[in-house]
C-alpha atoms as a PDB file:
ATOM      1  CA  MET A   1     -99.508  13.587 -49.833  1.00  0.00           C
ATOM      2  CA  ALA A   2    -100.331  17.045 -48.410  1.00  0.00           C
ATOM      3  CA  HIS A   3     -96.890  17.210 -46.802  1.00  0.00           C
ATOM      4  CA  TYR A   4     -95.285  16.489 -50.192  1.00  0.00           C
ATOM      5  CA  LYS A   5     -97.218  19.341 -51.878  1.00  0.00           C
ATOM      6  CA  ALA A   6     -96.310  21.783 -49.079  1.00  0.00           C
ATOM      7  CA  ALA A   7     -92.626  20.946 -49.462  1.00  0.00           C
ATOM      8  CA  GLU A   8     -92.880  21.228 -53.238  1.00  0.00           C
ATOM      9  CA  SER A   9     -94.644  24.587 -52.880  1.00  0.00           C
ATOM     10  CA  LYS A  10     -91.898  25.880 -50.567  1.00  0.00           C
ATOM     11  CA  ARG A  11     -89.258  24.759 -53.057  1.00  0.00           C
ATOM     12  CA  GLU A  12     -91.064  26.508 -55.887  1.00  0.00           C
ATOM     13  CA  GLN A  13     -91.359  29.702 -53.812  1.00  0.00           C
ATOM     14  CA  PHE A  14     -87.672  29.543 -52.969  1.00  0.00           C
ATOM     15  CA  ARG A  15     -86.755  28.959 -56.626  1.00  0.00           C
ATOM     16  CA  ARG A  16     -88.831  32.003 -57.659  1.00  0.00           C
ATOM     17  CA  TYR A  17     -87.175  34.047 -54.912  1.00  0.00           C
ATOM     18  CA  LEU A  18     -83.711  33.081 -56.197  1.00  0.00           C
ATOM     19  CA  GLU A  19     -84.753  33.865 -59.738  1.00  0.00           C
ATOM     20  CA  LYS A  20     -86.220  37.288 -58.825  1.00  0.00           C
ATOM     21  CA  SER A  21     -83.162  38.304 -56.840  1.00  0.00           C
ATOM     22  CA  GLY A  22     -80.823  37.415 -59.701  1.00  0.00           C
ATOM     23  CA  VAL A  23     -79.038  34.611 -57.865  1.00  0.00           C
ATOM     24  CA  LEU A  24     -79.829  31.969 -60.471  1.00  0.00           C
ATOM     25  CA  ASP A  25     -78.693  34.226 -63.295  1.00  0.00           C
ATOM     26  CA  THR A  26     -75.428  35.096 -61.525  1.00  0.00           C
ATOM     27  CA  LEU A  27     -74.671  31.484 -60.647  1.00  0.00           C
ATOM     28  CA  THR A  28     -75.414  30.427 -64.198  1.00  0.00           C
ATOM     29  CA  LYS A  29     -73.066  33.069 -65.612  1.00  0.00           C
ATOM     30  CA  VAL A  30     -70.236  32.056 -63.284  1.00  0.00           C
ATOM     31  CA  LEU A  31     -70.705  28.360 -64.022  1.00  0.00           C
ATOM     32  CA  VAL A  32     -70.753  29.065 -67.765  1.00  0.00           C
ATOM     33  CA  ALA A  33     -67.537  31.087 -67.371  1.00  0.00           C
ATOM     34  CA  LEU A  34     -65.954  28.129 -65.571  1.00  0.00           C
ATOM     35  CA  TYR A  35     -67.172  25.760 -68.275  1.00  0.00           C
ATOM     36  CA  GLU A  36     -65.771  27.981 -71.031  1.00  0.00           C
ATOM     37  CA  GLU A  37     -62.424  28.441 -69.266  1.00  0.00           C
ATOM     38  CA  PRO A  38     -59.805  26.903 -71.618  1.00  0.00           C
ATOM     39  CA  GLU A  39     -57.526  25.865 -68.764  1.00  0.00           C
ATOM     40  CA  LYS A  40     -59.603  24.672 -65.855  1.00  0.00           C
ATOM     41  CA  PRO A  41     -58.409  26.087 -62.519  1.00  0.00           C
ATOM     42  CA  ASN A  42     -57.061  23.732 -59.868  1.00  0.00           C
ATOM     43  CA  SER A  43     -59.832  24.775 -57.517  1.00  0.00           C
ATOM     44  CA  ALA A  44     -63.265  25.266 -59.006  1.00  0.00           C
ATOM     45  CA  LEU A  45     -64.469  26.537 -55.638  1.00  0.00           C
ATOM     46  CA  ASP A  46     -61.836  29.290 -55.581  1.00  0.00           C
ATOM     47  CA  PHE A  47     -62.850  30.225 -59.129  1.00  0.00           C
ATOM     48  CA  LEU A  48     -66.476  30.535 -58.026  1.00  0.00           C
ATOM     49  CA  LYS A  49     -65.564  32.505 -54.905  1.00  0.00           C
ATOM     50  CA  HIS A  50     -63.419  34.910 -56.919  1.00  0.00           C
ATOM     51  CA  HIS A  51     -66.040  35.512 -59.588  1.00  0.00           C
ATOM     52  CA  LEU A  52     -68.943  35.723 -57.173  1.00  0.00           C
ATOM     53  CA  GLY A  53     -66.990  38.026 -54.897  1.00  0.00           C
ATOM     54  CA  ALA A  54     -66.564  40.473 -57.760  1.00  0.00           C
ATOM     55  CA  ALA A  55     -70.300  40.437 -58.395  1.00  0.00           C
ATOM     56  CA  THR A  56     -71.376  41.123 -54.816  1.00  0.00           C
ATOM     57  CA  PRO A  57     -72.235  44.619 -53.620  1.00  0.00           C
ATOM     58  CA  GLU A  58     -69.439  46.617 -52.046  1.00  0.00           C
ATOM     59  CA  ASN A  59     -68.736  46.206 -48.386  1.00  0.00           C
ATOM     60  CA  PRO A  60     -69.679  49.502 -46.653  1.00  0.00           C
ATOM     61  CA  GLU A  61     -66.262  49.616 -45.008  1.00  0.00           C
ATOM     62  CA  ILE A  62     -64.572  49.452 -48.412  1.00  0.00           C
ATOM     63  CA  GLU A  63     -66.694  52.342 -49.639  1.00  0.00           C
ATOM     64  CA  LEU A  64     -65.734  54.396 -46.566  1.00  0.00           C
ATOM     65  CA  LEU A  65     -62.067  53.657 -47.209  1.00  0.00           C
ATOM     66  CA  ARG A  66     -62.455  54.749 -50.838  1.00  0.00           C
ATOM     67  CA  LEU A  67     -64.006  58.033 -49.730  1.00  0.00           C
ATOM     68  CA  GLU A  68     -61.236  58.551 -47.187  1.00  0.00           C
ATOM     69  CA  LEU A  69     -58.623  57.827 -49.850  1.00  0.00           C
ATOM     70  CA  ALA A  70     -60.213  60.376 -52.189  1.00  0.00           C
ATOM     71  CA  GLU A  71     -60.172  62.993 -49.413  1.00  0.00           C
ATOM     72  CA  MET A  72     -56.533  62.257 -48.632  1.00  0.00           C
ATOM     73  CA  LYS A  73     -55.616  62.598 -52.313  1.00  0.00           C
ATOM     74  CA  GLU A  74     -57.296  65.992 -52.430  1.00  0.00           C
ATOM     75  CA  LYS A  75     -55.461  67.111 -49.284  1.00  0.00           C
ATOM     76  CA  TYR A  76     -52.183  65.830 -50.713  1.00  0.00           C
ATOM     77  CA  GLU A  77     -52.674  67.766 -53.948  1.00  0.00           C
ATOM     78  CA  ALA A  78     -53.510  70.930 -51.975  1.00  0.00           C
ATOM     79  CA  ILE A  79     -50.382  70.514 -49.844  1.00  0.00           C
ATOM     80  CA  VAL A  80     -48.199  69.934 -52.918  1.00  0.00           C
ATOM     81  CA  GLU A  81     -49.605  73.100 -54.483  1.00  0.00           C
ATOM     82  CA  GLU A  82     -49.032  75.068 -51.265  1.00  0.00           C
ATOM     83  CA  ASN A  83     -45.494  73.724 -51.098  1.00  0.00           C
ATOM     84  CA  LYS A  84     -44.781  74.961 -54.636  1.00  0.00           C
ATOM     85  CA  LYS A  85     -46.088  78.431 -53.765  1.00  0.00           C
ATOM     86  CA  LEU A  86     -44.044  78.583 -50.576  1.00  0.00           C
ATOM     87  CA  LYS A  87     -40.894  77.495 -52.417  1.00  0.00           C
ATOM     88  CA  ALA A  88     -41.464  80.222 -55.008  1.00  0.00           C
ATOM     89  CA  LYS A  89     -42.009  82.784 -52.266  1.00  0.00           C
ATOM     90  CA  LEU A  90     -38.890  81.620 -50.443  1.00  0.00           C
ATOM     91  CA  ALA A  91     -36.864  81.834 -53.640  1.00  0.00           C
ATOM     92  CA  GLN A  92     -37.636  85.565 -53.777  1.00  0.00           C
ATOM     93  CA  TYR A  93     -35.844  86.126 -50.464  1.00  0.00           C
ATOM     94  CA  GLU A  94     -32.894  83.801 -51.005  1.00  0.00           C
ATOM     95  CA  PRO A  95     -29.922  84.852 -53.083  1.00  0.00           C
ATOM     96  CA  PRO A  96     -29.498  83.032 -56.387  1.00  0.00           C
ATOM     97  CA  GLN A  97     -27.413  79.844 -56.281  1.00  0.00           C
ATOM     98  CA  GLU A  98     -24.478  81.510 -58.109  1.00  0.00           C
ATOM     99  CA  GLU A  99     -24.092  84.209 -55.445  1.00  0.00           C
ATOM    100  CA  LYS A 100     -24.036  81.561 -52.707  1.00  0.00           C
ATOM    101  CA  ARG A 101     -21.107  79.749 -54.387  1.00  0.00           C
ATOM    102  CA  ALA A 102     -19.115  82.963 -54.805  1.00  0.00           C
ATOM    103  CA  GLU A 103     -19.145  83.621 -51.068  1.00  0.00           C
END
């Protein structure tokens, strides 16, 4: 009988742990979404994986890639702006297009 109570106590502790960490709430929401889906997907497991994957914290590597992408976008914009300035500067020293054709 003592063994039964110890196992029951461990289960209750684990249930409380899942509840505190939000796992039960998240699973419930995903299962409700599956239940309310008008056209049931062919693979319920894939549905769960997709919806749970969206709810998980970001992978650190993904966050690093996002930061790198943002940096590259900034560099790109700076280079585009520099290119515009250099083209304008170059245009000052080149003859107009009409004079080139006349030659």
